[in-house]
Amino acid sequence: MYYDDPNPPHFHAHYGDHQVTIALGTLAVIAGTLPPRALGLVAEWAAQHPSELRTAWDRAKALEIPGSIDPLP
């Protein structure tokens, strides 16, 4: 997440030369692409951490450090 990102609430994921922007809540791809397997893993991770993602977004918008979120087990 970036401090100056506009709404809607979202996060960015990078894999190699690919980048994707994913909406919080719906987990819809807003922009970009990832290979299918990588996108599936990102979606699985995001589905496990909705409240942490929202807290990170709120903190970033308040110009606070968003914090970290545990990876997939």
Protein backbone atom coordinates (compact mmCIF):
# COMPACT_ATOMS: atom_id res chain seq x y z
CA MET A 1 0.00 0.00 0.00
CA TYR A 2 1.14 3.50 -0.76
CA TYR A 3 0.42 6.57 1.34
CA ASP A 4 -0.85 8.66 -1.56
CA ASP A 5 -3.04 6.05 -3.26
CA PRO A 6 -6.57 7.20 -4.15
CA ASN A 7 -9.76 5.35 -3.31
CA PRO A 8 -11.14 2.72 -3.64
CA PRO A 9 -9.21 0.87 -0.92
CA HIS A 10 -6.78 -1.56 -2.55
CA PHE A 11 -3.36 -3.15 -2.39
CA HIS A 12 -0.61 -3.89 -4.89
CA ALA A 13 1.07 -7.23 -5.56
CA HIS A 14 4.23 -7.80 -7.58
CA TYR A 15 5.51 -11.00 -9.16
CA GLY A 16 8.55 -10.81 -11.41
CA ASP A 17 7.79 -8.20 -14.07
CA HIS A 18 4.06 -8.30 -13.31
CA GLN A 19 2.06 -6.02 -11.04
CA VAL A 20 -1.60 -6.03 -10.05
CA THR A 21 -3.85 -3.73 -8.05
CA ILE A 22 -6.59 -5.53 -6.10
CA ALA A 23 -9.63 -3.99 -4.42
CA LEU A 24 -10.15 -4.71 -0.75
CA GLY A 25 -13.41 -6.45 0.05
CA THR A 26 -14.23 -7.78 -3.41
CA LEU A 27 -10.66 -8.80 -4.31
CA ALA A 28 -11.41 -7.69 -7.87
CA VAL A 29 -8.44 -6.82 -10.06
CA ILE A 30 -8.49 -3.06 -10.63
CA ALA A 31 -5.42 -2.88 -12.85
CA GLY A 32 -2.58 -5.03 -14.11
CA THR A 33 -2.09 -8.76 -14.36
CA LEU A 34 -0.34 -11.63 -12.63
CA PRO A 35 0.16 -15.16 -13.88
CA PRO A 36 -2.88 -17.27 -12.85
CA ARG A 37 -1.06 -19.26 -10.14
CA ALA A 38 0.42 -16.12 -8.58
CA LEU A 39 -2.95 -14.34 -8.69
CA GLY A 40 -4.58 -17.34 -7.01
CA LEU A 41 -2.05 -17.26 -4.18
CA VAL A 42 -2.51 -13.52 -3.72
CA ALA A 43 -6.30 -13.93 -3.63
CA GLU A 44 -6.02 -16.79 -1.12
CA TRP A 45 -3.74 -14.66 1.09
CA ALA A 46 -6.02 -11.61 0.87
CA ALA A 47 -9.10 -13.70 1.67
CA GLN A 48 -7.38 -14.84 4.88
CA HIS A 49 -6.52 -11.29 5.99
CA PRO A 50 -9.41 -8.90 5.20
CA SER A 51 -9.37 -7.05 8.52
CA GLU A 52 -5.58 -6.69 8.52
CA LEU A 53 -5.67 -5.32 4.97
CA ARG A 54 -8.35 -2.78 5.89
CA THR A 55 -6.40 -1.72 8.97
CA ALA A 56 -3.25 -1.31 6.85
CA TRP A 57 -5.20 0.81 4.34
CA ASP A 58 -6.63 3.02 7.08
CA ARG A 59 -3.20 3.46 8.64
CA ALA A 60 -1.57 4.33 5.30
CA LYS A 61 -4.27 6.92 4.60
CA ALA A 62 -3.54 8.43 8.04
CA LEU A 63 0.15 8.62 7.00
CA GLU A 64 1.07 5.92 9.52
CA ILE A 65 3.17 2.82 8.85
CA PRO A 66 0.72 0.21 7.52
CA GLY A 67 2.46 -2.65 9.30
CA SER A 68 3.03 -6.16 8.03
CA ILE A 69 0.70 -9.06 7.41
CA ASP A 70 1.70 -12.70 7.81
CA PRO A 71 2.31 -14.66 4.59
CA LEU A 72 0.47 -17.81 3.62
CA PRO A 73 1.41 -20.75 5.85
